[in-house]
């Protein structure tokens, strides 16, 4: 890890101790986030916005830190104003796309990722997210269609009821009225038979003369969709596990770098405080890895979530 980032942290903190109205909160928050001190990044970002409410760079830095901590709703609240005002900020738009995916706002996510992919054709992460998102939206639309088909098989609707003739009242009809009522009833029956013929033809065209065959087809499609969903869960679980290992590696590197800086500058309390926080984070991440003993346990946790 670059020593310059630790030097920058010490520099910005020193500036703020001299004058808290210096506009370096965004830079300091970003630096804290990059070295893994997310809580410090959030604290600095929030303080910067208290002093400078229209400080967009600080709002962006705070949103990124909140997202890294997993507070996606609060992150969206900070990042959305930035995206509205700075329309060419593709980093923020891509991050909002990820947030909207996590919030199941799929159309909003697609809108953000499409803008990123259109303006930055070599952003392969955004392109990959967009392709996966489009497939997911198409799959959910297919499931809706399956549900509608299931309902139409289980509970047919729209068919006219058979006419009912009250025989107790027939004997009071005049002969002409009786004939008229009979003709009307027969006409209604002809209409019903014609409607039933149309249903039979439609079922024959769909090759579903036996509703059980159609239900079996629907069940197979549901199973296919469920398998695709399970694969997505496994991929997310593996990505989460990889993220934890990457964070452990970064923390190890940060601790080594901090110790070297302390050797060069033993009286630097700011670096010592950072080292202590790095060591606390390392212990917490190692415990998290212990809880997630294997990929199956992690996958179960994602499925329950």
C-alpha atoms as a PDB file:
ATOM      1  CA  UNK A   1       0.000   0.000   0.000  1.00  0.00           C
ATOM      2  CA  UNK A   2       1.286   3.452  -0.950  1.00  0.00           C
ATOM      3  CA  UNK A   3       2.738   5.349   2.000  1.00  0.00           C
ATOM      4  CA  UNK A   4       1.527   8.579   0.413  1.00  0.00           C
ATOM      5  CA  UNK A   5      -2.068   7.862   1.413  1.00  0.00           C
ATOM      6  CA  UNK A   6      -1.104   7.666   5.097  1.00  0.00           C
ATOM      7  CA  UNK A   7       0.901  10.849   4.752  1.00  0.00           C
ATOM      8  CA  UNK A   8      -2.158  12.499   3.202  1.00  0.00           C
ATOM      9  CA  UNK A   9      -4.356  11.387   6.092  1.00  0.00           C
ATOM     10  CA  UNK A  10      -1.966  12.899   8.589  1.00  0.00           C
ATOM     11  CA  UNK A  11      -1.711  16.086   6.516  1.00  0.00           C
ATOM     12  CA  UNK A  12      -5.472  16.618   6.167  1.00  0.00           C
ATOM     13  CA  UNK A  13      -6.095  15.922   9.845  1.00  0.00           C
ATOM     14  CA  UNK A  14      -3.458  18.470  10.756  1.00  0.00           C
ATOM     15  CA  UNK A  15      -5.075  21.057   8.474  1.00  0.00           C
ATOM     16  CA  UNK A  16      -8.498  20.484  10.023  1.00  0.00           C
ATOM     17  CA  UNK A  17      -7.123  20.806  13.529  1.00  0.00           C
ATOM     18  CA  UNK A  18      -5.810  24.246  12.560  1.00  0.00           C
ATOM     19  CA  UNK A  19      -8.983  25.277  10.715  1.00  0.00           C
ATOM     20  CA  UNK A  20     -12.056  23.072  10.430  1.00  0.00           C
ATOM     21  CA  UNK A  21     -13.382  25.209   7.560  1.00  0.00           C
ATOM     22  CA  UNK A  22     -10.795  23.948   5.101  1.00  0.00           C
ATOM     23  CA  UNK A  23     -12.471  22.064   2.269  1.00  0.00           C
ATOM     24  CA  UNK A  24     -10.448  18.869   2.598  1.00  0.00           C
ATOM     25  CA  UNK A  25     -13.161  16.670   4.095  1.00  0.00           C
ATOM     26  CA  UNK A  26     -13.827  14.856   0.818  1.00  0.00           C
ATOM     27  CA  UNK A  27     -10.140  14.015   0.324  1.00  0.00           C
ATOM     28  CA  UNK A  28      -9.765  12.827   3.910  1.00  0.00           C
ATOM     29  CA  UNK A  29     -12.931  10.725   3.767  1.00  0.00           C
ATOM     30  CA  UNK A  30     -11.771   9.111   0.507  1.00  0.00           C
ATOM     31  CA  UNK A  31      -8.350   8.362   1.992  1.00  0.00           C
ATOM     32  CA  UNK A  32      -9.867   6.749   5.089  1.00  0.00           C
ATOM     33  CA  UNK A  33     -12.157   4.608   2.921  1.00  0.00           C
ATOM     34  CA  UNK A  34      -9.313   3.457   0.697  1.00  0.00           C
ATOM     35  CA  UNK A  35      -7.285   2.185   3.638  1.00  0.00           C
ATOM     36  CA  UNK A  36     -10.322   0.409   5.112  1.00  0.00           C
ATOM     37  CA  UNK A  37     -11.208   2.815   7.925  1.00  0.00           C
ATOM     38  CA  UNK A  38     -14.812   3.116   6.799  1.00  0.00           C
ATOM     39  CA  UNK A  39     -16.263   4.437  10.065  1.00  0.00           C
ATOM     40  CA  UNK A  40     -13.714   7.251  10.062  1.00  0.00           C
ATOM     41  CA  UNK A  41     -14.549   7.989   6.426  1.00  0.00           C
ATOM     42  CA  UNK A  42     -18.251   8.283   7.314  1.00  0.00           C
ATOM     43  CA  UNK A  43     -17.532  10.455  10.350  1.00  0.00           C
ATOM     44  CA  UNK A  44     -15.404  12.868   8.332  1.00  0.00           C
ATOM     45  CA  UNK A  45     -17.921  12.975   5.475  1.00  0.00           C
ATOM     46  CA  UNK A  46     -20.787  13.771   7.821  1.00  0.00           C
ATOM     47  CA  UNK A  47     -18.763  16.501   9.540  1.00  0.00           C
ATOM     48  CA  UNK A  48     -17.874  18.040   6.196  1.00  0.00           C
ATOM     49  CA  UNK A  49     -21.541  18.240   5.170  1.00  0.00           C
ATOM     50  CA  UNK A  50     -22.468  19.813   8.497  1.00  0.00           C
ATOM     51  CA  UNK A  51     -20.091  22.670   7.715  1.00  0.00           C
ATOM     52  CA  UNK A  52     -20.589  22.751   3.923  1.00  0.00           C
ATOM     53  CA  UNK A  53     -24.075  21.365   3.075  1.00  0.00           C
ATOM     54  CA  UNK A  54     -23.581  21.927  -0.688  1.00  0.00           C
ATOM     55  CA  UNK A  55     -20.161  20.209  -0.754  1.00  0.00           C
ATOM     56  CA  UNK A  56     -20.901  17.650  -3.516  1.00  0.00           C
ATOM     57  CA  UNK A  57     -17.484  15.977  -3.458  1.00  0.00           C
ATOM     58  CA  UNK A  58     -17.911  15.348   0.257  1.00  0.00           C
ATOM     59  CA  UNK A  59     -21.427  14.003  -0.302  1.00  0.00           C
ATOM     60  CA  UNK A  60     -20.046  11.593  -2.900  1.00  0.00           C
ATOM     61  CA  UNK A  61     -17.257  10.462  -0.552  1.00  0.00           C
ATOM     62  CA  UNK A  62     -19.793   9.900   2.239  1.00  0.00           C
ATOM     63  CA  UNK A  63     -22.051   7.913  -0.101  1.00  0.00           C
ATOM     64  CA  UNK A  64     -19.169   5.653  -1.145  1.00  0.00           C
ATOM     65  CA  UNK A  65     -18.203   5.024   2.474  1.00  0.00           C
ATOM     66  CA  UNK A  66     -21.798   4.234   3.471  1.00  0.00           C
ATOM     67  CA  UNK A  67     -22.058   1.812   0.554  1.00  0.00           C
ATOM     68  CA  UNK A  68     -18.842   0.076   1.589  1.00  0.00           C
ATOM     69  CA  UNK A  69     -20.247  -0.364   5.106  1.00  0.00           C
ATOM     70  CA  UNK A  70     -23.438  -1.847   3.648  1.00  0.00           C
ATOM     71  CA  UNK A  71     -25.784   1.055   4.441  1.00  0.00           C
ATOM     72  CA  UNK A  72     -27.175   1.118   0.909  1.00  0.00           C
ATOM     73  CA  UNK A  73     -30.289   3.180   1.605  1.00  0.00           C
ATOM     74  CA  UNK A  74     -28.286   5.978   3.243  1.00  0.00           C
ATOM     75  CA  UNK A  75     -25.702   5.695   0.478  1.00  0.00           C
ATOM     76  CA  UNK A  76     -28.417   6.211  -2.146  1.00  0.00           C
ATOM     77  CA  UNK A  77     -29.688   9.301  -0.313  1.00  0.00           C
ATOM     78  CA  UNK A  78     -26.212  10.852  -0.582  1.00  0.00           C
ATOM     79  CA  UNK A  79     -25.388   9.757  -4.128  1.00  0.00           C
ATOM     80  CA  UNK A  80     -28.679  10.534  -5.890  1.00  0.00           C
ATOM     81  CA  UNK A  81     -28.318  14.348  -5.570  1.00  0.00           C
ATOM     82  CA  UNK A  82     -24.774  14.087  -6.913  1.00  0.00           C
ATOM     83  CA  UNK A  83     -25.967  12.093  -9.938  1.00  0.00           C
ATOM     84  CA  UNK A  84     -28.733  14.616 -10.650  1.00  0.00           C
ATOM     85  CA  UNK A  85     -26.401  17.632 -10.544  1.00  0.00           C
ATOM     86  CA  UNK A  86     -23.206  16.146 -12.011  1.00  0.00           C
ATOM     87  CA  UNK A  87     -24.719  14.173 -14.863  1.00  0.00           C
ATOM     88  CA  UNK A  88     -21.417  12.901 -16.265  1.00  0.00           C
ATOM     89  CA  UNK A  89     -20.240  11.348 -12.983  1.00  0.00           C
ATOM     90  CA  UNK A  90     -20.160   7.758 -14.196  1.00  0.00           C
ATOM     91  CA  UNK A  91     -18.623   6.418 -10.977  1.00  0.00           C
ATOM     92  CA  UNK A  92     -21.645   7.574  -8.997  1.00  0.00           C
ATOM     93  CA  UNK A  93     -24.082   6.301 -11.630  1.00  0.00           C
ATOM     94  CA  UNK A  94     -22.521   2.845 -11.609  1.00  0.00           C
ATOM     95  CA  UNK A  95     -22.586   2.733  -7.822  1.00  0.00           C
ATOM     96  CA  UNK A  96     -26.254   3.745  -7.864  1.00  0.00           C
ATOM     97  CA  UNK A  97     -26.876   0.931 -10.341  1.00  0.00           C
ATOM     98  CA  UNK A  98     -25.415  -1.550  -7.843  1.00  0.00           C
ATOM     99  CA  UNK A  99     -27.488  -0.065  -5.036  1.00  0.00           C
ATOM    100  CA  UNK A 100     -30.710  -0.270  -7.044  1.00  0.00           C
ATOM    101  CA  UNK A 101     -29.995  -3.912  -7.881  1.00  0.00           C
ATOM    102  CA  UNK A 102     -29.621  -4.649  -4.159  1.00  0.00           C
ATOM    103  CA  UNK A 103     -32.904  -2.802  -3.513  1.00  0.00           C
ATOM    104  CA  UNK A 104     -34.704  -4.762  -6.280  1.00  0.00           C
ATOM    105  CA  UNK A 105     -35.282  -1.529  -8.239  1.00  0.00           C
ATOM    106  CA  UNK A 106     -34.292  -3.262 -11.439  1.00  0.00           C
ATOM    107  CA  UNK A 107     -35.555  -0.723 -13.978  1.00  0.00           C
ATOM    108  CA  UNK A 108     -33.802   2.134 -12.158  1.00  0.00           C
ATOM    109  CA  UNK A 109     -30.629   0.060 -12.059  1.00  0.00           C
ATOM    110  CA  UNK A 110     -30.849  -0.666 -15.768  1.00  0.00           C
ATOM    111  CA  UNK A 111     -31.301   3.038 -16.510  1.00  0.00           C
ATOM    112  CA  UNK A 112     -28.126   3.964 -14.595  1.00  0.00           C
ATOM    113  CA  UNK A 113     -26.005   1.152 -16.040  1.00  0.00           C
ATOM    114  CA  UNK A 114     -27.151   1.837 -19.597  1.00  0.00           C
ATOM    115  CA  UNK A 115     -25.949   5.441 -19.278  1.00  0.00           C
ATOM    116  CA  UNK A 116     -22.590   4.274 -17.948  1.00  0.00           C
ATOM    117  CA  UNK A 117     -22.123   1.674 -20.691  1.00  0.00           C
ATOM    118  CA  UNK A 118     -23.113   4.146 -23.404  1.00  0.00           C
ATOM    119  CA  UNK A 119     -20.574   6.753 -22.274  1.00  0.00           C
ATOM    120  CA  UNK A 120     -17.768   4.417 -21.219  1.00  0.00           C
ATOM    121  CA  UNK A 121     -17.580   1.493 -23.624  1.00  0.00           C
ATOM    122  CA  UNK A 122     -14.567  -0.059 -21.864  1.00  0.00           C
ATOM    123  CA  UNK A 123     -16.192  -0.247 -18.427  1.00  0.00           C
ATOM    124  CA  UNK A 124     -16.550  -4.006 -18.508  1.00  0.00           C
ATOM    125  CA  UNK A 125     -17.890  -4.207 -14.954  1.00  0.00           C
ATOM    126  CA  UNK A 126     -20.832  -1.970 -15.846  1.00  0.00           C
ATOM    127  CA  UNK A 127     -21.394  -3.903 -19.064  1.00  0.00           C
ATOM    128  CA  UNK A 128     -21.338  -7.232 -17.210  1.00  0.00           C
ATOM    129  CA  UNK A 129     -23.777  -5.935 -14.580  1.00  0.00           C
ATOM    130  CA  UNK A 130     -26.078  -4.666 -17.320  1.00  0.00           C
ATOM    131  CA  UNK A 131     -26.092  -7.979 -19.200  1.00  0.00           C
ATOM    132  CA  UNK A 132     -26.837  -9.909 -16.002  1.00  0.00           C
ATOM    133  CA  UNK A 133     -29.556  -7.412 -15.073  1.00  0.00           C
ATOM    134  CA  UNK A 134     -31.274  -7.674 -18.443  1.00  0.00           C
ATOM    135  CA  UNK A 135     -31.286 -11.463 -18.156  1.00  0.00           C
ATOM    136  CA  UNK A 136     -32.781 -11.218 -14.684  1.00  0.00           C
ATOM    137  CA  UNK A 137     -35.516  -8.824 -15.810  1.00  0.00           C
ATOM    138  CA  UNK A 138     -36.350 -11.110 -18.727  1.00  0.00           C
ATOM    139  CA  UNK A 139     -36.469 -14.099 -16.357  1.00  0.00           C
ATOM    140  CA  UNK A 140     -38.859 -12.347 -13.974  1.00  0.00           C
ATOM    141  CA  UNK A 141     -41.111 -11.352 -16.857  1.00  0.00           C
ATOM    142  CA  UNK A 142     -41.151 -15.006 -17.895  1.00  0.00           C
ATOM    143  CA  UNK A 143     -42.147 -16.064 -14.375  1.00  0.00           C
ATOM    144  CA  UNK A 144     -45.045 -13.591 -14.437  1.00  0.00           C
ATOM    145  CA  UNK A 145     -46.176 -15.126 -17.708  1.00  0.00           C
ATOM    146  CA  UNK A 146     -45.922 -18.595 -16.158  1.00  0.00           C
ATOM    147  CA  UNK A 147     -48.058 -17.505 -13.192  1.00  0.00           C
ATOM    148  CA  UNK A 148     -50.706 -16.154 -15.546  1.00  0.00           C
ATOM    149  CA  UNK A 149     -50.705 -19.381 -17.533  1.00  0.00           C
ATOM    150  CA  UNK A 150     -51.008 -21.435 -14.338  1.00  0.00           C
ATOM    151  CA  UNK A 151     -54.005 -19.395 -13.256  1.00  0.00           C
ATOM    152  CA  UNK A 152     -55.678 -19.818 -16.625  1.00  0.00           C
ATOM    153  CA  UNK A 153     -55.311 -23.610 -16.425  1.00  0.00           C
ATOM    154  CA  UNK A 154     -56.308 -23.967 -12.788  1.00  0.00           C
ATOM    155  CA  UNK A 155     -59.265 -21.605 -12.886  1.00  0.00           C
ATOM    156  CA  UNK A 156     -60.720 -21.044 -16.365  1.00  0.00           C
ATOM    157  CA  UNK A 157     -62.704 -17.834 -16.556  1.00  0.00           C
ATOM    158  CA  UNK A 158     -64.719 -15.863 -19.058  1.00  0.00           C
ATOM    159  CA  UNK A 159     -67.042 -18.726 -19.988  1.00  0.00           C
ATOM    160  CA  UNK A 160     -70.778 -17.858 -19.993  1.00  0.00           C
ATOM    161  CA  UNK A 161     -73.007 -19.696 -17.566  1.00  0.00           C
ATOM    162  CA  UNK A 162     -75.656 -22.077 -18.899  1.00  0.00           C
ATOM    163  CA  UNK A 163     -79.117 -20.481 -18.952  1.00  0.00           C
ATOM    164  CA  UNK A 164     -81.543 -21.618 -16.277  1.00  0.00           C
ATOM    165  CA  UNK A 165     -85.247 -21.960 -17.076  1.00  0.00           C
ATOM    166  CA  UNK A 166     -87.659 -21.781 -14.150  1.00  0.00           C
ATOM    167  CA  UNK A 167     -90.038 -24.630 -15.001  1.00  0.00           C
ATOM    168  CA  UNK A 168     -92.447 -23.598 -12.249  1.00  0.00           C
ATOM    169  CA  UNK A 169     -93.236 -20.464 -14.209  1.00  0.00           C
ATOM    170  CA  UNK A 170     -93.690 -22.098 -17.631  1.00  0.00           C
ATOM    171  CA  UNK A 171     -97.319 -23.026 -17.117  1.00  0.00           C
ATOM    172  CA  UNK A 172     -98.358 -19.402 -16.681  1.00  0.00           C
ATOM    173  CA  UNK A 173     -96.833 -18.313 -20.010  1.00  0.00           C
ATOM    174  CA  UNK A 174     -98.999 -17.649 -22.966  1.00  0.00           C
ATOM    175  CA  UNK A 175     -98.196 -20.030 -25.801  1.00  0.00           C
ATOM    176  CA  UNK A 176     -96.405 -17.328 -27.789  1.00  0.00           C
ATOM    177  CA  UNK A 177     -94.320 -16.268 -24.850  1.00  0.00           C
ATOM    178  CA  UNK A 178     -93.426 -19.883 -24.148  1.00  0.00           C
ATOM    179  CA  UNK A 179     -92.175 -20.384 -27.699  1.00  0.00           C
ATOM    180  CA  UNK A 180     -90.189 -17.149 -27.501  1.00  0.00           C
ATOM    181  CA  UNK A 181     -88.560 -18.157 -24.205  1.00  0.00           C
ATOM    182  CA  UNK A 182     -87.712 -21.595 -25.583  1.00  0.00           C
ATOM    183  CA  UNK A 183     -86.104 -20.151 -28.710  1.00  0.00           C
ATOM    184  CA  UNK A 184     -84.058 -17.758 -26.625  1.00  0.00           C
ATOM    185  CA  UNK A 185     -82.840 -20.587 -24.389  1.00  0.00           C
ATOM    186  CA  UNK A 186     -81.832 -22.662 -27.421  1.00  0.00           C
ATOM    187  CA  UNK A 187     -80.021 -19.645 -28.868  1.00  0.00           C
ATOM    188  CA  UNK A 188     -78.116 -19.234 -25.618  1.00  0.00           C
ATOM    189  CA  UNK A 189     -77.150 -22.896 -25.736  1.00  0.00           C
ATOM    190  CA  UNK A 190     -75.858 -22.480 -29.293  1.00  0.00           C
ATOM    191  CA  UNK A 191     -73.754 -19.554 -28.096  1.00  0.00           C
ATOM    192  CA  UNK A 192     -72.303 -21.660 -25.275  1.00  0.00           C
ATOM    193  CA  UNK A 193     -71.489 -24.509 -27.671  1.00  0.00           C
ATOM    194  CA  UNK A 194     -69.752 -22.090 -30.033  1.00  0.00           C
ATOM    195  CA  UNK A 195     -67.730 -20.661 -27.170  1.00  0.00           C
ATOM    196  CA  UNK A 196     -66.722 -24.143 -26.038  1.00  0.00           C
ATOM    197  CA  UNK A 197     -65.648 -24.977 -29.591  1.00  0.00           C
ATOM    198  CA  UNK A 198     -63.372 -21.920 -29.596  1.00  0.00           C
ATOM    199  CA  UNK A 199     -61.796 -22.986 -26.311  1.00  0.00           C
ATOM    200  CA  UNK A 200     -61.215 -26.489 -27.632  1.00  0.00           C
ATOM    201  CA  UNK A 201     -59.569 -25.138 -30.788  1.00  0.00           C
ATOM    202  CA  UNK A 202     -57.311 -22.830 -28.768  1.00  0.00           C
ATOM    203  CA  UNK A 203     -56.275 -25.670 -26.480  1.00  0.00           C
ATOM    204  CA  UNK A 204     -55.570 -27.891 -29.457  1.00  0.00           C
ATOM    205  CA  UNK A 205     -53.375 -25.216 -31.020  1.00  0.00           C
ATOM    206  CA  UNK A 206     -51.410 -24.907 -27.775  1.00  0.00           C
ATOM    207  CA  UNK A 207     -51.137 -28.696 -27.529  1.00  0.00           C
ATOM    208  CA  UNK A 208     -52.720 -28.646 -24.107  1.00  0.00           C
ATOM    209  CA  UNK A 209     -55.812 -30.823 -24.562  1.00  0.00           C
ATOM    210  CA  UNK A 210     -54.807 -32.370 -21.253  1.00  0.00           C
ATOM    211  CA  UNK A 211     -54.315 -29.524 -18.702  1.00  0.00           C
ATOM    212  CA  UNK A 212     -51.908 -31.751 -16.775  1.00  0.00           C
ATOM    213  CA  UNK A 213     -49.481 -31.597 -19.697  1.00  0.00           C
ATOM    214  CA  UNK A 214     -49.514 -27.818 -19.580  1.00  0.00           C
ATOM    215  CA  UNK A 215     -48.960 -27.825 -15.834  1.00  0.00           C
ATOM    216  CA  UNK A 216     -46.011 -30.169 -16.257  1.00  0.00           C
ATOM    217  CA  UNK A 217     -44.519 -27.789 -18.826  1.00  0.00           C
ATOM    218  CA  UNK A 218     -44.999 -24.862 -16.438  1.00  0.00           C
ATOM    219  CA  UNK A 219     -43.404 -26.802 -13.573  1.00  0.00           C
ATOM    220  CA  UNK A 220     -40.361 -27.568 -15.725  1.00  0.00           C
ATOM    221  CA  UNK A 221     -39.980 -23.878 -16.583  1.00  0.00           C
ATOM    222  CA  UNK A 222     -40.273 -22.942 -12.907  1.00  0.00           C
ATOM    223  CA  UNK A 223     -37.599 -25.498 -12.004  1.00  0.00           C
ATOM    224  CA  UNK A 224     -35.310 -24.043 -14.670  1.00  0.00           C
ATOM    225  CA  UNK A 225     -35.825 -20.549 -13.290  1.00  0.00           C
ATOM    226  CA  UNK A 226     -35.165 -21.797  -9.746  1.00  0.00           C
ATOM    227  CA  UNK A 227     -31.901 -23.403 -10.858  1.00  0.00           C
ATOM    228  CA  UNK A 228     -30.811 -20.131 -12.462  1.00  0.00           C
ATOM    229  CA  UNK A 229     -31.667 -18.308  -9.232  1.00  0.00           C
ATOM    230  CA  UNK A 230     -29.592 -20.815  -7.207  1.00  0.00           C
ATOM    231  CA  UNK A 231     -26.633 -20.245  -9.517  1.00  0.00           C
ATOM    232  CA  UNK A 232     -26.906 -16.500  -8.961  1.00  0.00           C
ATOM    233  CA  UNK A 233     -26.885 -17.038  -5.190  1.00  0.00           C
ATOM    234  CA  UNK A 234     -23.741 -19.180  -5.415  1.00  0.00           C
ATOM    235  CA  UNK A 235     -22.002 -16.562  -7.538  1.00  0.00           C
ATOM    236  CA  UNK A 236     -22.889 -13.806  -5.054  1.00  0.00           C
ATOM    237  CA  UNK A 237     -21.707 -15.957  -2.158  1.00  0.00           C
ATOM    238  CA  UNK A 238     -18.382 -16.665  -3.852  1.00  0.00           C
ATOM    239  CA  UNK A 239     -17.942 -12.966  -4.642  1.00  0.00           C
ATOM    240  CA  UNK A 240     -18.623 -12.061  -0.996  1.00  0.00           C
ATOM    241  CA  UNK A 241     -16.052 -14.584   0.202  1.00  0.00           C
ATOM    242  CA  UNK A 242     -13.507 -13.239  -2.286  1.00  0.00           C
ATOM    243  CA  UNK A 243     -14.231  -9.707  -1.032  1.00  0.00           C
ATOM    244  CA  UNK A 244     -13.480 -10.753   2.555  1.00  0.00           C
ATOM    245  CA  UNK A 245     -10.152 -12.305   1.548  1.00  0.00           C
ATOM    246  CA  UNK A 246      -9.236  -9.181  -0.419  1.00  0.00           C
ATOM    247  CA  UNK A 247     -10.026  -6.998   2.600  1.00  0.00           C
ATOM    248  CA  UNK A 248      -7.851  -9.209   4.795  1.00  0.00           C
ATOM    249  CA  UNK A 249      -4.988  -8.828   2.353  1.00  0.00           C
ATOM    250  CA  UNK A 250      -5.402  -5.041   2.274  1.00  0.00           C
ATOM    251  CA  UNK A 251      -5.490  -4.871   6.059  1.00  0.00           C
ATOM    252  CA  UNK A 252      -2.294  -6.923   6.310  1.00  0.00           C
ATOM    253  CA  UNK A 253      -0.633  -4.541   3.866  1.00  0.00           C
ATOM    254  CA  UNK A 254      -1.945  -1.491   5.728  1.00  0.00           C
ATOM    255  CA  UNK A 255      -0.612  -2.799   9.033  1.00  0.00           C
ATOM    256  CA  UNK A 256       2.825  -3.454   7.557  1.00  0.00           C
ATOM    257  CA  UNK A 257       2.930   0.018   5.982  1.00  0.00           C
ATOM    258  CA  UNK A 258       1.759   1.692   9.201  1.00  0.00           C
ATOM    259  CA  UNK A 259       4.468  -0.042  11.228  1.00  0.00           C
ATOM    260  CA  UNK A 260       7.120   1.123   8.765  1.00  0.00           C
ATOM    261  CA  UNK A 261       5.836   4.683   9.031  1.00  0.00           C
ATOM    262  CA  UNK A 262       5.960   4.508  12.824  1.00  0.00           C
ATOM    263  CA  UNK A 263       9.586   3.380  12.613  1.00  0.00           C
ATOM    264  CA  UNK A 264      10.364   6.491  10.546  1.00  0.00           C
ATOM    265  CA  UNK A 265       8.249   8.773  12.740  1.00  0.00           C
ATOM    266  CA  UNK A 266       7.802   7.234  16.232  1.00  0.00           C
ATOM    267  CA  UNK A 267       6.014  10.314  17.621  1.00  0.00           C
ATOM    268  CA  UNK A 268       3.226  10.351  14.999  1.00  0.00           C
ATOM    269  CA  UNK A 269       0.118   9.647  17.086  1.00  0.00           C
ATOM    270  CA  UNK A 270      -2.167   9.751  14.042  1.00  0.00           C
ATOM    271  CA  UNK A 271      -0.368   6.805  12.438  1.00  0.00           C
ATOM    272  CA  UNK A 272      -0.403   4.889  15.728  1.00  0.00           C
ATOM    273  CA  UNK A 273      -4.160   5.368  16.020  1.00  0.00           C
ATOM    274  CA  UNK A 274      -4.633   4.138  12.455  1.00  0.00           C
ATOM    275  CA  UNK A 275      -2.484   1.085  13.180  1.00  0.00           C
ATOM    276  CA  UNK A 276      -4.630   0.227  16.208  1.00  0.00           C
ATOM    277  CA  UNK A 277      -7.825   0.494  14.134  1.00  0.00           C
ATOM    278  CA  UNK A 278      -6.310  -1.647  11.339  1.00  0.00           C
ATOM    279  CA  UNK A 279      -5.456  -4.353  13.868  1.00  0.00           C
ATOM    280  CA  UNK A 280      -9.001  -4.289  15.295  1.00  0.00           C
ATOM    281  CA  UNK A 281     -10.488  -4.598  11.812  1.00  0.00           C
ATOM    282  CA  UNK A 282      -8.162  -7.487  10.995  1.00  0.00           C
ATOM    283  CA  UNK A 283      -9.322  -9.439  14.054  1.00  0.00           C
ATOM    284  CA  UNK A 284     -12.993  -8.791  13.163  1.00  0.00           C
ATOM    285  CA  UNK A 285     -12.506  -9.955   9.554  1.00  0.00           C
ATOM    286  CA  UNK A 286     -10.673 -13.103  10.653  1.00  0.00           C
ATOM    287  CA  UNK A 287     -13.565 -13.946  12.969  1.00  0.00           C
ATOM    288  CA  UNK A 288     -15.983 -13.425  10.100  1.00  0.00           C
ATOM    289  CA  UNK A 289     -14.006 -15.882   7.991  1.00  0.00           C
ATOM    290  CA  UNK A 290     -14.147 -18.425  10.808  1.00  0.00           C
ATOM    291  CA  UNK A 291     -17.945 -18.178  10.879  1.00  0.00           C
ATOM    292  CA  UNK A 292     -18.088 -18.805   7.147  1.00  0.00           C
ATOM    293  CA  UNK A 293     -16.352 -22.161   7.212  1.00  0.00           C
ATOM    294  CA  UNK A 294     -17.241 -23.174   3.696  1.00  0.00           C
ATOM    295  CA  UNK A 295     -19.080 -21.954   0.609  1.00  0.00           C
ATOM    296  CA  UNK A 296     -22.197 -24.012   1.436  1.00  0.00           C
ATOM    297  CA  UNK A 297     -22.678 -22.153   4.736  1.00  0.00           C
ATOM    298  CA  UNK A 298     -22.240 -18.826   2.968  1.00  0.00           C
ATOM    299  CA  UNK A 299     -24.687 -19.828   0.226  1.00  0.00           C
ATOM    300  CA  UNK A 300     -27.288 -20.811   2.850  1.00  0.00           C
ATOM    301  CA  UNK A 301     -26.889 -17.395   4.460  1.00  0.00           C
ATOM    302  CA  UNK A 302     -27.493 -15.659   1.121  1.00  0.00           C
ATOM    303  CA  UNK A 303     -30.564 -17.797   0.414  1.00  0.00           C
ATOM    304  CA  UNK A 304     -32.070 -17.008   3.810  1.00  0.00           C
ATOM    305  CA  UNK A 305     -31.405 -13.306   3.201  1.00  0.00           C
END
